[in-house]
C-alpha atoms as a PDB file:
ATOM      1  CA  MET A   1      -0.579   0.194  -0.002  1.00  0.00           C
ATOM      2  CA  LYS A   2       1.465   3.266  -1.155  1.00  0.00           C
ATOM      3  CA  ILE A   3       1.102   5.864   1.231  1.00  0.00           C
ATOM      4  CA  SER A   4       0.866   9.690   0.106  1.00  0.00           C
ATOM      5  CA  ASN A   5       1.090  12.723   1.947  1.00  0.00           C
ATOM      6  CA  GLU A   6      -2.874  13.677   1.263  1.00  0.00           C
ATOM      7  CA  ILE A   7      -5.564  13.778   4.334  1.00  0.00           C
ATOM      8  CA  VAL A   8      -7.263  11.525   4.034  1.00  0.00           C
ATOM      9  CA  LEU A   9     -10.650  12.121   6.193  1.00  0.00           C
ATOM     10  CA  ARG A  10     -12.443   8.566   5.354  1.00  0.00           C
ATOM     11  CA  PRO A  11      -8.930   5.580   4.621  1.00  0.00           C
ATOM     12  CA  ARG A  12     -10.247   2.268   2.595  1.00  0.00           C
ATOM     13  CA  PHE A  13      -8.921  -1.228   2.494  1.00  0.00           C
ATOM     14  CA  SER A  14      -9.583  -4.064   0.889  1.00  0.00           C
ATOM     15  CA  LEU A  15      -9.918  -8.230   2.124  1.00  0.00           C
ATOM     16  CA  SER A  16     -11.141 -10.903  -0.167  1.00  0.00           C
ATOM     17  CA  LEU A  17     -13.351 -13.128   2.032  1.00  0.00           C
ATOM     18  CA  ASN A  18     -13.340 -16.764   1.024  1.00  0.00           C
ATOM     19  CA  LYS A  19     -16.935 -17.158   2.127  1.00  0.00           C
ATOM     20  CA  SER A  20     -20.203 -15.373   0.439  1.00  0.00           C
ATOM     21  CA  SER A  21     -21.887 -12.441   0.751  1.00  0.00           C
ATOM     22  CA  LYS A  22     -25.020 -14.157   2.463  1.00  0.00           C
ATOM     23  CA  GLN A  23     -22.804 -16.039   5.332  1.00  0.00           C
ATOM     24  CA  VAL A  24     -20.812 -12.745   6.170  1.00  0.00           C
ATOM     25  CA  LEU A  25     -24.400 -10.625   6.882  1.00  0.00           C
ATOM     26  CA  GLU A  26     -25.759 -13.656   9.184  1.00  0.00           C
ATOM     27  CA  ALA A  27     -21.975 -14.070  10.750  1.00  0.00           C
ATOM     28  CA  PHE A  28     -22.875  -9.663  11.414  1.00  0.00           C
ATOM     29  CA  GLU A  29     -26.798 -10.680  11.717  1.00  0.00           C
ATOM     30  CA  SER A  30     -25.602 -13.660  14.513  1.00  0.00           C
ATOM     31  CA  ALA A  31     -23.116 -11.119  15.848  1.00  0.00           C
ATOM     32  CA  LYS A  32     -25.400  -8.004  16.269  1.00  0.00           C
ATOM     33  CA  ASN A  33     -28.190 -10.419  19.130  1.00  0.00           C
ATOM     34  CA  ASN A  34     -25.887 -12.113  20.473  1.00  0.00           C
ATOM     35  CA  GLN A  35     -23.426  -9.318  22.054  1.00  0.00           C
ATOM     36  CA  ASP A  36     -23.701  -5.962  22.912  1.00  0.00           C
ATOM     37  CA  THR A  37     -19.959  -4.456  22.732  1.00  0.00           C
ATOM     38  CA  ILE A  38     -20.103  -3.072  19.401  1.00  0.00           C
ATOM     39  CA  ARG A  39     -23.441  -1.144  17.668  1.00  0.00           C
ATOM     40  CA  ILE A  40     -23.851  -3.562  14.764  1.00  0.00           C
ATOM     41  CA  ASN A  41     -26.725  -2.299  12.015  1.00  0.00           C
ATOM     42  CA  ILE A  42     -27.438  -3.612   8.865  1.00  0.00           C
ATOM     43  CA  LEU A  43     -29.352  -1.751   5.743  1.00  0.00           C
ATOM     44  CA  ASP A  44     -29.524  -4.070   2.308  1.00  0.00           C
ATOM     45  CA  VAL A  45     -25.769  -5.044   1.804  1.00  0.00           C
ATOM     46  CA  HIS A  46     -23.964  -2.552   4.730  1.00  0.00           C
ATOM     47  CA  VAL A  47     -23.622  -3.080   7.922  1.00  0.00           C
ATOM     48  CA  PHE A  48     -22.029  -0.524  10.614  1.00  0.00           C
ATOM     49  CA  LEU A  49     -20.344  -0.964  13.441  1.00  0.00           C
ATOM     50  CA  LYS A  50     -20.113   1.665  16.216  1.00  0.00           C
ATOM     51  CA  ILE A  51     -19.109   2.393  19.312  1.00  0.00           C
ATOM     52  CA  PRO A  52     -22.176   2.359  21.959  1.00  0.00           C
ATOM     53  CA  THR A  53     -23.413   5.948  22.240  1.00  0.00           C
ATOM     54  CA  VAL A  54     -22.966   6.430  26.440  1.00  0.00           C
ATOM     55  CA  GLN A  55     -18.975   5.446  24.826  1.00  0.00           C
ATOM     56  CA  GLN A  56     -18.717   7.270  22.022  1.00  0.00           C
ATOM     57  CA  HIS A  57     -16.841  11.137  21.942  1.00  0.00           C
ATOM     58  CA  PHE A  58     -16.130  13.552  19.124  1.00  0.00           C
ATOM     59  CA  TRP A  59     -13.390  11.673  17.323  1.00  0.00           C
ATOM     60  CA  THR A  60     -15.618   7.810  17.859  1.00  0.00           C
ATOM     61  CA  PRO A  61     -14.858   6.469  14.436  1.00  0.00           C
ATOM     62  CA  GLN A  62     -17.873   4.329  12.834  1.00  0.00           C
ATOM     63  CA  LEU A  63     -16.627   1.596  10.405  1.00  0.00           C
ATOM     64  CA  HIS A  64     -19.125   1.086   7.132  1.00  0.00           C
ATOM     65  CA  LEU A  65     -18.686  -2.513   4.864  1.00  0.00           C
END
């Protein structure tokens, strides 16, 4: 990965999985129902991972998959 001197507000990366998108979404759905450490929101084929509201700060990131 080449790093430039530009400011990147939305860093991006890619990762290849050996599972179908359906299997990955099912795994996130299962995790959503079995834990409360991270807020998991699923909308169509998008998954959003967020820190619970009470633990958030101004700089708290979220992950959109």
